[in-house]
Amino acid sequence: MDDDFWSGVGVDLHLEPDASAGRRAGLERALRDAIRTGRLTPGTRLPATRRLATELGISRGTAKAAYDQLIAEGYLTARQGSGTEVAPLPADGAAADVRAPRARAPRFDLRPGSPDVGTFPAAAWLRALRRAIATAPSLAYDYGDPRGRIELRTALSGYLGRARGVIAPPERIVITSGYVQALALLTRVLDGGTVAMEDPGLPFHRDVVRKSGGNVVPLAVDGHGARADGLAALGADAVVVTPAHQYPTGVTLHPERRRALTDWARTRDGLIIEDDYDGEFRYDRQPVGALQGMAPAHAVYVGTASKTLGPALRLGWMVLPPHLVEPVADIKLHSDHHTESIGQLALAEMIESHAYDRHVRASRLRYRRRRDQLLDRVGARRSVRGIAAGLHALVEVADESRVLARAEEEGLAVGRLGDHWHTPGDGRPQGLVVGYGTPRERMYPEALEVLGRVLEGAEGRRGGPM
């Protein structure tokens, strides 16, 4: 058989018919077992009988007879011009009984953490992708530098400097597959060190540090942000902070706290890990510059495209102090070698053409309108905090459990402040973490109406003080 035949088969099908049962019966059994076990799923298109017969070394008539038998039994379907496919099978009642119950999806999702992915700039991304592929060198499709493509690192160097005040030479930037990988890599470089993390803060990020070998200690947060004066007593080697828009309280780190943090880092040779997860979205004045610019030798700036474009891209970046570049790159090399390259090239093209800036500005205006709508519906009756920036706000309530139970009845999903404390307990401030990035534009006003009803019905009065 010539090579052209195998290159044109179109569908690979791994079958091992039982020869002892006879050719036709063995093929029928092999196909039937593959369908029953789910290895061949409904809708899978099977190869033509001539090609299957040639591949298995049987006659075409035998292959056709086996297909006809399974069509008669309901395992396969055949339509003129569409070929032969695996048929949809009824659910196995016994199997269905042991499946885990699936949680009912909320009608309205105001949980924080995601942008409005429905506004992903698909046309701009496609244009950037086409230009990037058209101009990419052939080596772009090979294994690459663990630090990332130089095109993206160069583009980010300029963008972060002008937009976020980051001191970011390309040689000090490492591209990652998002913030979680960046945090894990940095924790591994610390080699079992103690990491102070904001309290309240995202529990999943604490888990990332612990699973990467770090020891987590809580760093208190108040109305001015992280309490830098508590770092010395904690014996921390590093601190993770969200200075532009603390998660989840939404406060901006006070200038005196910024200075205290950098003083601690210089005095103790500590490391500041700055999570700038939504720093581009500032509404009432210019965005607050990155903390990293005050202490570039002691701070790691971490940013991503997850909030500006979409989490699915899995593109993030670290700007590292010079002494950490090689250790981080080495661990990155031995973790996943390097982040995928084509998306890096496309993002670099978007940044260089300023399409990225245009999208961020348009998103900022859209999210500000949503923030204003939230304040109009809820802010008159209770305190709403963290509204100067970002994609979420903290709404005060007196009884989280009661409000959340009412929200579930209404099909509304929101975040809970109580889930973010290092050690939950009585006496902690209570509140709802309300995101305004996720709902589609047409759904958002109704989601706010439901939120208003939930708050009024569950408490009927102003929430307690924070």
Protein backbone atom coordinates (compact mmCIF):
# COMPACT_ATOMS: atom_id res chain seq x y z
CA MET A 1 0.00 0.00 0.00
CA ASP A 2 1.44 3.43 -0.89
CA ASP A 3 2.09 6.26 1.54
CA ASP A 4 -0.47 8.50 -0.16
CA PHE A 5 -3.26 6.19 0.97
CA TRP A 6 -2.35 6.42 4.65
CA SER A 7 -1.86 10.19 4.53
CA GLY A 8 -5.39 10.54 3.18
CA VAL A 9 -7.28 8.18 5.49
CA GLY A 10 -8.77 11.18 7.33
CA VAL A 11 -9.97 9.26 10.43
CA ASP A 12 -7.78 7.06 12.61
CA LEU A 13 -9.67 4.27 14.34
CA HIS A 14 -7.92 2.00 16.81
CA LEU A 15 -9.62 -1.41 16.76
CA GLU A 16 -8.36 -4.86 17.70
CA PRO A 17 -10.98 -7.38 16.47
CA ASP A 18 -10.98 -10.80 18.13
CA ALA A 19 -9.87 -13.09 15.29
CA SER A 20 -11.07 -16.20 17.12
CA ALA A 21 -14.69 -15.01 16.80
CA GLY A 22 -14.47 -14.71 13.03
CA ARG A 23 -13.67 -11.59 11.06
CA ARG A 24 -17.15 -10.11 10.87
CA ALA A 25 -18.20 -11.03 14.42
CA GLY A 26 -14.83 -9.89 15.80
CA LEU A 27 -15.16 -6.49 14.12
CA GLU A 28 -18.75 -6.10 15.33
CA ARG A 29 -17.70 -6.92 18.90
CA ALA A 30 -14.75 -4.53 18.81
CA LEU A 31 -16.92 -1.66 17.56
CA ARG A 32 -19.73 -2.45 19.99
CA ASP A 33 -17.34 -2.53 22.97
CA ALA A 34 -15.70 0.73 21.91
CA ILE A 35 -19.09 2.45 21.79
CA ARG A 36 -20.38 0.96 25.05
CA THR A 37 -17.28 1.99 27.00
CA GLY A 38 -17.43 5.51 25.61
CA ARG A 39 -14.14 5.31 23.74
CA LEU A 40 -16.14 6.07 20.59
CA THR A 41 -18.49 8.89 21.55
CA PRO A 42 -21.81 9.81 19.88
CA GLY A 43 -21.21 11.76 16.69
CA THR A 44 -17.81 10.21 16.01
CA ARG A 45 -17.50 9.70 12.27
CA LEU A 46 -16.17 6.31 11.24
CA PRO A 47 -13.89 5.66 8.27
CA ALA A 48 -15.40 4.48 4.99
CA THR A 49 -15.71 0.71 4.67
CA ARG A 50 -13.09 0.53 1.93
CA ARG A 51 -10.49 2.28 4.05
CA LEU A 52 -11.38 0.33 7.18
CA ALA A 53 -11.15 -2.94 5.26
CA THR A 54 -7.73 -2.04 3.88
CA GLU A 55 -6.45 -0.99 7.31
CA LEU A 56 -7.65 -4.20 9.01
CA GLY A 57 -6.78 -6.53 6.15
CA ILE A 58 -10.34 -7.76 5.62
CA SER A 59 -12.74 -7.60 2.70
CA ARG A 60 -14.86 -4.54 2.13
CA GLY A 61 -17.96 -6.75 2.24
CA THR A 62 -17.04 -7.88 5.77
CA ALA A 63 -16.60 -4.29 6.93
CA LYS A 64 -19.90 -3.24 5.35
CA ALA A 65 -21.76 -6.19 6.91
CA ALA A 66 -20.42 -5.24 10.36
CA TYR A 67 -21.52 -1.62 9.91
CA ASP A 68 -24.97 -2.74 8.71
CA GLN A 69 -25.41 -4.97 11.75
CA LEU A 70 -24.54 -2.18 14.20
CA ILE A 71 -26.82 0.22 12.34
CA ALA A 72 -29.64 -2.28 12.77
CA GLU A 73 -28.84 -2.55 16.49
CA GLY A 74 -28.88 1.25 16.89
CA TYR A 75 -25.19 1.69 17.65
CA LEU A 76 -24.46 3.47 14.37
CA THR A 77 -26.30 5.80 12.02
CA ALA A 78 -25.74 6.27 8.29
CA ARG A 79 -27.03 9.02 6.02
CA GLN A 80 -26.42 9.54 2.35
CA GLY A 81 -23.52 11.92 1.91
CA SER A 82 -22.75 12.09 5.63
CA GLY A 83 -21.03 8.76 6.18
CA THR A 84 -21.38 6.48 9.18
CA GLU A 85 -21.39 7.89 12.72
CA VAL A 86 -21.76 6.63 16.28
CA ALA A 87 -25.41 7.06 17.25
CA PRO A 88 -26.64 8.92 20.35
CA LEU A 89 -27.32 6.30 23.00
CA PRO A 90 -29.92 6.50 25.78
CA ALA A 91 -28.50 7.20 29.23
CA ASP A 92 -27.74 4.14 31.29
CA GLY A 93 -30.11 4.36 34.24
CA ALA A 94 -27.76 2.55 36.60
CA ALA A 95 -24.90 4.85 35.65
CA ALA A 96 -27.06 7.95 35.94
CA ASP A 97 -27.99 7.06 39.52
CA VAL A 98 -24.38 7.26 40.74
CA ARG A 99 -23.54 10.56 39.10
CA ALA A 100 -22.86 13.45 41.43
CA PRO A 101 -25.71 15.96 41.51
CA ARG A 102 -24.99 19.00 39.37
CA ALA A 103 -25.45 22.35 41.05
CA ARG A 104 -28.09 24.52 39.46
CA ALA A 105 -26.52 27.36 37.51
CA PRO A 106 -27.56 30.78 38.84
CA ARG A 107 -29.82 32.94 36.70
CA PHE A 108 -27.71 35.97 37.54
CA ASP A 109 -23.99 35.74 38.30
CA LEU A 110 -22.49 38.67 40.22
CA ARG A 111 -19.54 36.73 41.60
CA PRO A 112 -16.19 38.52 41.31
CA GLY A 113 -13.11 37.34 39.49
CA SER A 114 -13.92 37.41 35.78
CA PRO A 115 -14.30 40.14 33.16
CA ASP A 116 -17.11 40.34 30.63
CA VAL A 117 -15.70 37.74 28.25
CA GLY A 118 -18.53 38.49 25.84
CA THR A 119 -16.68 41.67 24.90
CA PHE A 120 -13.43 39.91 24.04
CA PRO A 121 -11.98 41.89 21.08
CA ALA A 122 -12.14 38.96 18.68
CA ALA A 123 -11.64 41.05 15.53
CA ALA A 124 -8.62 42.89 16.93
CA TRP A 125 -7.14 39.65 18.27
CA LEU A 126 -7.61 37.94 14.91
CA ARG A 127 -5.92 40.82 13.09
CA ALA A 128 -3.02 40.73 15.53
CA LEU A 129 -2.78 36.97 15.23
CA ARG A 130 -2.68 37.11 11.44
CA ARG A 131 0.03 39.77 11.42
CA ALA A 132 2.02 37.91 14.05
CA ILE A 133 1.90 34.63 12.12
CA ALA A 134 2.71 36.34 8.84
CA THR A 135 5.88 37.89 10.25
CA ALA A 136 6.94 35.24 12.79
CA PRO A 137 10.25 33.51 12.14
CA SER A 138 10.13 29.74 11.71
CA LEU A 139 11.86 29.31 15.08
CA ALA A 140 8.77 30.75 16.76
CA TYR A 141 7.18 27.31 16.32
CA ASP A 142 10.04 25.53 18.07
CA TYR A 143 10.84 25.25 21.78
CA GLY A 144 11.53 28.73 23.10
CA ASP A 145 13.14 30.79 25.83
CA PRO A 146 11.58 29.98 29.24
CA ARG A 147 11.44 33.73 29.86
CA GLY A 148 9.05 34.14 26.91
CA ARG A 149 9.16 35.64 23.44
CA ILE A 150 11.37 38.71 23.19
CA GLU A 151 8.69 40.42 21.08
CA LEU A 152 6.20 40.34 23.95
CA ARG A 153 8.78 41.18 26.61
CA THR A 154 9.84 44.22 24.61
CA ALA A 155 6.25 45.35 24.04
CA LEU A 156 5.43 44.91 27.72
CA SER A 157 8.52 46.85 28.74
CA GLY A 158 7.18 49.94 27.00
CA TYR A 159 3.54 49.43 27.97
CA LEU A 160 4.13 48.78 31.67
CA GLY A 161 6.45 51.74 31.93
CA ARG A 162 4.01 54.26 30.47
CA ALA A 163 0.73 52.79 31.72
CA ARG A 164 1.63 51.40 35.16
CA GLY A 165 4.88 53.13 36.15
CA VAL A 166 6.82 49.85 36.23
CA ILE A 167 10.58 49.76 35.70
CA ALA A 168 10.59 46.85 33.28
CA PRO A 169 13.63 46.15 31.09
CA PRO A 170 12.82 43.23 28.73
CA GLU A 171 15.60 41.10 30.23
CA ARG A 172 13.86 41.21 33.63
CA ILE A 173 10.47 40.06 32.35
CA VAL A 174 9.33 36.43 32.47
CA ILE A 175 6.12 35.42 30.68
CA THR A 176 3.89 32.95 32.55
CA SER A 177 0.64 31.08 32.04
CA GLY A 178 -1.21 33.48 34.33
CA TYR A 179 -0.90 34.74 37.90
CA VAL A 180 -1.21 31.34 39.56
CA GLN A 181 1.88 30.02 37.81
CA ALA A 182 3.78 33.19 38.65
CA LEU A 183 2.92 32.85 42.35
CA ALA A 184 3.86 29.17 42.36
CA LEU A 185 7.22 29.84 40.67
CA LEU A 186 8.08 32.62 43.12
CA THR A 187 7.16 30.46 46.10
CA ARG A 188 9.42 27.70 44.84
CA VAL A 189 12.28 30.16 44.48
CA LEU A 190 11.76 31.10 48.14
CA ASP A 191 12.31 27.39 48.92
CA GLY A 192 10.02 26.92 51.88
CA GLY A 193 10.06 30.53 53.06
CA THR A 194 7.34 32.32 54.99
CA VAL A 195 4.93 34.36 52.88
CA ALA A 196 2.70 37.00 54.43
CA MET A 197 -0.63 37.29 52.62
CA GLU A 198 -3.38 39.84 53.08
CA ASP A 199 -6.20 39.02 55.50
CA PRO A 200 -8.80 38.97 54.04
CA GLY A 201 -7.56 37.64 50.73
CA LEU A 202 -8.27 34.98 48.13
CA PRO A 203 -8.11 31.49 49.73
CA PHE A 204 -7.08 29.83 46.48
CA HIS A 205 -3.91 31.92 46.31
CA ARG A 206 -3.02 30.84 49.85
CA ASP A 207 -3.44 27.24 48.71
CA VAL A 208 -1.12 27.87 45.76
CA VAL A 209 1.62 29.09 48.09
CA ARG A 210 1.19 26.17 50.48
CA LYS A 211 1.14 23.56 47.72
CA SER A 212 4.32 25.13 46.29
CA GLY A 213 6.14 24.67 49.60
CA GLY A 214 5.58 28.03 51.29
CA ASN A 215 4.39 28.81 54.80
CA VAL A 216 1.49 31.31 54.86
CA VAL A 217 0.97 33.87 57.63
CA PRO A 218 -1.87 36.47 57.73
CA LEU A 219 -1.18 40.17 57.25
CA ALA A 220 -4.01 42.33 58.55
CA VAL A 221 -5.83 44.75 56.23
CA ASP A 222 -7.69 47.86 57.36
CA GLY A 223 -9.12 50.96 55.70
CA HIS A 224 -5.65 51.99 54.48
CA GLY A 225 -4.70 48.61 53.06
CA ALA A 226 -2.17 46.03 54.26
CA ARG A 227 -0.70 46.68 57.73
CA ALA A 228 2.97 46.86 56.79
CA ASP A 229 3.92 47.57 60.40
CA GLY A 230 3.08 43.98 61.27
CA LEU A 231 5.56 42.37 58.87
CA ALA A 232 8.59 42.40 61.16
CA ALA A 233 6.77 40.43 63.86
CA LEU A 234 5.61 37.84 61.32
CA GLY A 235 9.15 36.88 60.30
CA ALA A 236 8.13 36.88 56.65
CA ASP A 237 10.53 36.39 53.77
CA ALA A 238 8.02 37.77 51.27
CA VAL A 239 4.68 39.53 51.24
CA VAL A 240 1.91 39.33 48.62
CA VAL A 241 -0.11 42.52 48.28
CA THR A 242 -2.78 44.00 45.98
CA PRO A 243 -1.96 47.70 46.44
CA ALA A 244 -3.96 49.23 43.57
CA HIS A 245 -7.28 47.61 44.60
CA GLN A 246 -7.09 45.25 47.57
CA TYR A 247 -8.94 42.00 47.10
CA PRO A 248 -11.64 41.71 48.37
CA THR A 249 -12.08 44.96 50.38
CA GLY A 250 -11.24 47.20 47.41
CA VAL A 251 -9.14 49.73 49.37
CA THR A 252 -6.10 51.37 47.80
CA LEU A 253 -2.85 51.07 49.73
CA HIS A 254 -2.15 54.35 51.51
CA PRO A 255 1.07 56.18 50.48
CA GLU A 256 2.52 55.80 53.99
CA ARG A 257 1.88 52.06 53.84
CA ARG A 258 3.61 51.90 50.45
CA ARG A 259 6.68 53.54 51.95
CA ALA A 260 6.56 51.25 54.98
CA LEU A 261 6.42 48.20 52.73
CA THR A 262 9.41 49.25 50.67
CA ASP A 263 11.34 50.20 53.84
CA TRP A 264 10.69 46.72 55.24
CA ALA A 265 11.87 45.10 52.02
CA ARG A 266 15.12 47.09 51.96
CA THR A 267 15.84 46.65 55.68
CA ARG A 268 15.01 42.95 55.90
CA ASP A 269 16.01 42.03 52.34
CA GLY A 270 12.40 40.91 51.92
CA LEU A 271 10.49 40.39 48.70
CA ILE A 272 7.30 42.25 47.76
CA ILE A 273 5.06 40.37 45.32
CA GLU A 274 2.69 42.90 43.78
CA ASP A 275 -0.48 41.41 42.31
CA ASP A 276 -1.74 44.08 39.92
CA TYR A 277 -4.77 42.07 38.86
CA ASP A 278 -7.02 44.95 37.74
CA GLY A 279 -4.85 48.06 38.03
CA GLU A 280 -5.82 49.38 34.59
CA PHE A 281 -9.42 49.93 35.70
CA ARG A 282 -9.42 53.16 37.69
CA TYR A 283 -12.53 55.31 37.40
CA ASP A 284 -12.42 58.51 39.44
CA ARG A 285 -8.84 59.60 38.72
CA GLN A 286 -5.70 58.39 37.02
CA PRO A 287 -4.66 54.81 37.88
CA VAL A 288 -2.37 54.50 40.89
CA GLY A 289 1.14 53.65 39.74
CA ALA A 290 2.63 50.30 40.58
CA LEU A 291 4.42 49.85 43.90
CA GLN A 292 7.29 48.16 42.07
CA GLY A 293 8.54 51.52 40.78
CA MET A 294 9.46 52.51 44.34
CA ALA A 295 11.66 49.46 44.98
CA PRO A 296 12.48 47.59 41.75
CA ALA A 297 15.33 45.68 43.42
CA HIS A 298 12.99 44.24 46.06
CA ALA A 299 9.62 43.93 44.32
CA VAL A 300 8.13 41.57 41.75
CA TYR A 301 5.40 43.06 39.63
CA VAL A 302 2.85 40.48 38.42
CA GLY A 303 0.22 41.28 35.82
CA THR A 304 -1.94 39.31 33.40
CA ALA A 305 -4.27 39.65 30.43
CA SER A 306 -6.99 37.78 32.34
CA LYS A 307 -9.03 40.86 33.32
CA THR A 308 -8.24 43.02 30.31
CA LEU A 309 -8.79 40.37 27.61
CA GLY A 310 -9.82 37.02 29.09
CA PRO A 311 -8.58 34.26 31.41
CA ALA A 312 -8.63 31.69 28.58
CA LEU A 313 -5.53 33.25 26.98
CA ARG A 314 -3.39 32.14 29.97
CA LEU A 315 -0.91 34.98 29.53
CA GLY A 316 0.76 36.69 32.47
CA TRP A 317 4.06 38.38 33.21
CA MET A 318 6.49 39.02 36.02
CA VAL A 319 8.94 41.91 36.24
CA LEU A 320 11.66 40.59 38.51
CA PRO A 321 14.59 42.02 40.46
CA PRO A 322 17.83 41.19 38.59
CA HIS A 323 18.92 38.49 41.04
CA LEU A 324 15.68 36.49 40.60
CA VAL A 325 15.55 36.33 36.80
CA GLU A 326 17.74 33.27 36.35
CA PRO A 327 16.32 31.26 39.31
CA VAL A 328 12.75 31.89 38.16
CA ALA A 329 13.58 31.12 34.52
CA ASP A 330 15.24 27.85 35.57
CA ILE A 331 12.20 26.70 37.54
CA LYS A 332 9.95 27.77 34.67
CA LEU A 333 12.09 25.72 32.28
CA HIS A 334 11.67 22.62 34.43
CA SER A 335 7.95 23.21 34.98
CA ASP A 336 6.57 23.63 31.47
CA HIS A 337 9.61 24.74 29.44
CA HIS A 338 7.87 27.89 28.21
CA THR A 339 4.46 29.48 27.79
CA GLU A 340 2.87 28.96 24.36
CA SER A 341 4.41 31.30 21.81
CA ILE A 342 1.75 32.24 19.24
CA GLY A 343 -0.51 33.99 21.74
CA GLN A 344 2.53 35.90 22.99
CA LEU A 345 3.22 37.15 19.49
CA ALA A 346 -0.40 38.20 19.00
CA LEU A 347 -0.47 40.09 22.30
CA ALA A 348 2.80 41.82 21.42
CA GLU A 349 1.25 42.93 18.13
CA MET A 350 -1.87 44.24 19.91
CA ILE A 351 0.26 46.25 22.34
CA GLU A 352 2.56 47.67 19.66
CA SER A 353 -0.39 48.69 17.45
CA HIS A 354 -2.15 50.26 20.50
CA ALA A 355 -5.19 48.05 19.91
CA TYR A 356 -4.66 46.80 23.46
CA ASP A 357 -4.83 50.37 24.85
CA ARG A 358 -8.00 51.06 22.88
CA HIS A 359 -9.65 47.94 24.24
CA VAL A 360 -8.63 48.74 27.82
CA ARG A 361 -10.03 52.29 27.53
CA ALA A 362 -13.32 51.02 26.11
CA SER A 363 -13.56 48.41 28.86
CA ARG A 364 -12.82 51.03 31.51
CA LEU A 365 -15.75 53.14 30.33
CA ARG A 366 -18.07 50.13 30.20
CA TYR A 367 -17.16 48.93 33.69
CA ARG A 368 -17.46 52.44 35.10
CA ARG A 369 -21.04 52.59 33.81
CA ARG A 370 -21.74 49.28 35.51
CA ARG A 371 -20.16 50.50 38.73
CA ASP A 372 -22.35 53.60 38.63
CA GLN A 373 -25.46 51.50 38.09
CA LEU A 374 -24.55 49.39 41.11
CA LEU A 375 -24.19 52.50 43.24
CA ASP A 376 -27.49 53.91 41.99
CA ARG A 377 -29.37 50.72 42.88
CA VAL A 378 -27.67 49.74 46.13
CA GLY A 379 -25.49 52.59 47.38
CA ALA A 380 -28.29 54.84 48.64
CA ARG A 381 -29.28 52.40 51.38
CA ARG A 382 -25.99 50.85 52.49
CA SER A 383 -22.25 51.32 52.32
CA VAL A 384 -20.53 50.13 49.15
CA ARG A 385 -16.74 50.09 49.32
CA GLY A 386 -13.90 49.62 46.88
CA ILE A 387 -15.66 51.52 44.12
CA ALA A 388 -12.76 53.65 42.87
CA ALA A 389 -11.30 50.84 40.74
CA GLY A 390 -11.55 47.27 39.59
CA LEU A 391 -14.37 44.91 38.70
CA HIS A 392 -15.93 44.34 42.12
CA ALA A 393 -17.22 46.20 45.16
CA LEU A 394 -17.81 45.25 48.78
CA VAL A 395 -21.40 45.73 49.97
CA GLU A 396 -21.92 45.84 53.73
CA VAL A 397 -24.48 43.48 55.26
CA ALA A 398 -25.32 42.54 58.82
CA ASP A 399 -25.90 38.82 58.20
CA GLU A 400 -24.10 37.16 55.29
CA SER A 401 -25.78 33.79 55.71
CA ARG A 402 -29.27 35.22 55.65
CA VAL A 403 -28.60 37.37 52.58
CA LEU A 404 -26.93 34.53 50.70
CA ALA A 405 -29.81 32.18 51.44
CA ARG A 406 -32.22 34.72 50.00
CA ALA A 407 -29.93 35.23 47.00
CA GLU A 408 -29.93 31.50 46.27
CA GLU A 409 -33.72 31.47 46.30
CA GLU A 410 -33.68 34.24 43.70
CA GLY A 411 -31.11 32.49 41.50
CA LEU A 412 -28.45 35.13 42.26
CA ALA A 413 -24.78 34.29 42.87
CA VAL A 414 -22.51 36.72 44.74
CA GLY A 415 -19.26 36.44 46.66
CA ARG A 416 -19.03 36.26 50.44
CA LEU A 417 -16.51 38.24 52.48
CA GLY A 418 -16.51 35.54 55.16
CA ASP A 419 -14.88 33.06 52.78
CA HIS A 420 -11.77 35.25 52.50
CA TRP A 421 -10.56 35.40 56.11
CA HIS A 422 -7.55 33.28 57.01
CA THR A 423 -9.41 32.16 60.15
CA PRO A 424 -13.18 32.66 59.83
CA GLY A 425 -15.05 33.31 63.04
CA ASP A 426 -17.62 35.38 64.89
CA GLY A 427 -17.00 39.08 65.14
CA ARG A 428 -15.51 39.42 61.66
CA PRO A 429 -16.94 42.15 59.42
CA GLN A 430 -19.51 40.82 56.99
CA GLY A 431 -20.26 41.73 53.42
CA LEU A 432 -20.99 40.65 49.87
CA VAL A 433 -18.26 40.77 47.25
CA VAL A 434 -20.21 41.86 44.17
CA GLY A 435 -18.60 41.60 40.75
CA TYR A 436 -19.79 43.67 37.82
CA GLY A 437 -17.63 42.16 35.11
CA THR A 438 -19.37 38.87 34.45
CA PRO A 439 -23.00 39.61 33.42
CA ARG A 440 -23.75 40.43 29.82
CA GLU A 441 -24.92 44.00 29.17
CA ARG A 442 -28.54 43.04 28.62
CA MET A 443 -28.65 40.97 31.83
CA TYR A 444 -26.88 43.40 34.15
CA PRO A 445 -29.78 45.79 34.99
CA GLU A 446 -32.05 42.88 35.92
CA ALA A 447 -29.26 41.32 38.00
CA LEU A 448 -28.98 44.57 39.96
CA GLU A 449 -32.74 44.66 40.52
CA VAL A 450 -32.59 41.16 41.96
CA LEU A 451 -29.63 42.12 44.16
CA GLY A 452 -31.56 45.12 45.47
CA ARG A 453 -34.59 42.99 46.28
CA VAL A 454 -32.44 40.39 48.00
CA LEU A 455 -30.77 42.99 50.22
CA GLU A 456 -34.02 44.71 51.09
CA GLY A 457 -35.88 41.49 51.73
CA ALA A 458 -33.16 39.76 53.74
CA GLU A 459 -32.32 42.64 56.06
CA GLY A 460 -34.79 45.44 55.53
CA ARG A 461 -32.29 47.86 57.02
CA ARG A 462 -28.75 49.18 56.64
CA GLY A 463 -25.94 46.67 57.21
CA GLY A 464 -23.68 46.88 60.26
CA PRO A 465 -20.43 48.85 60.26
CA MET A 466 -17.28 47.45 58.72
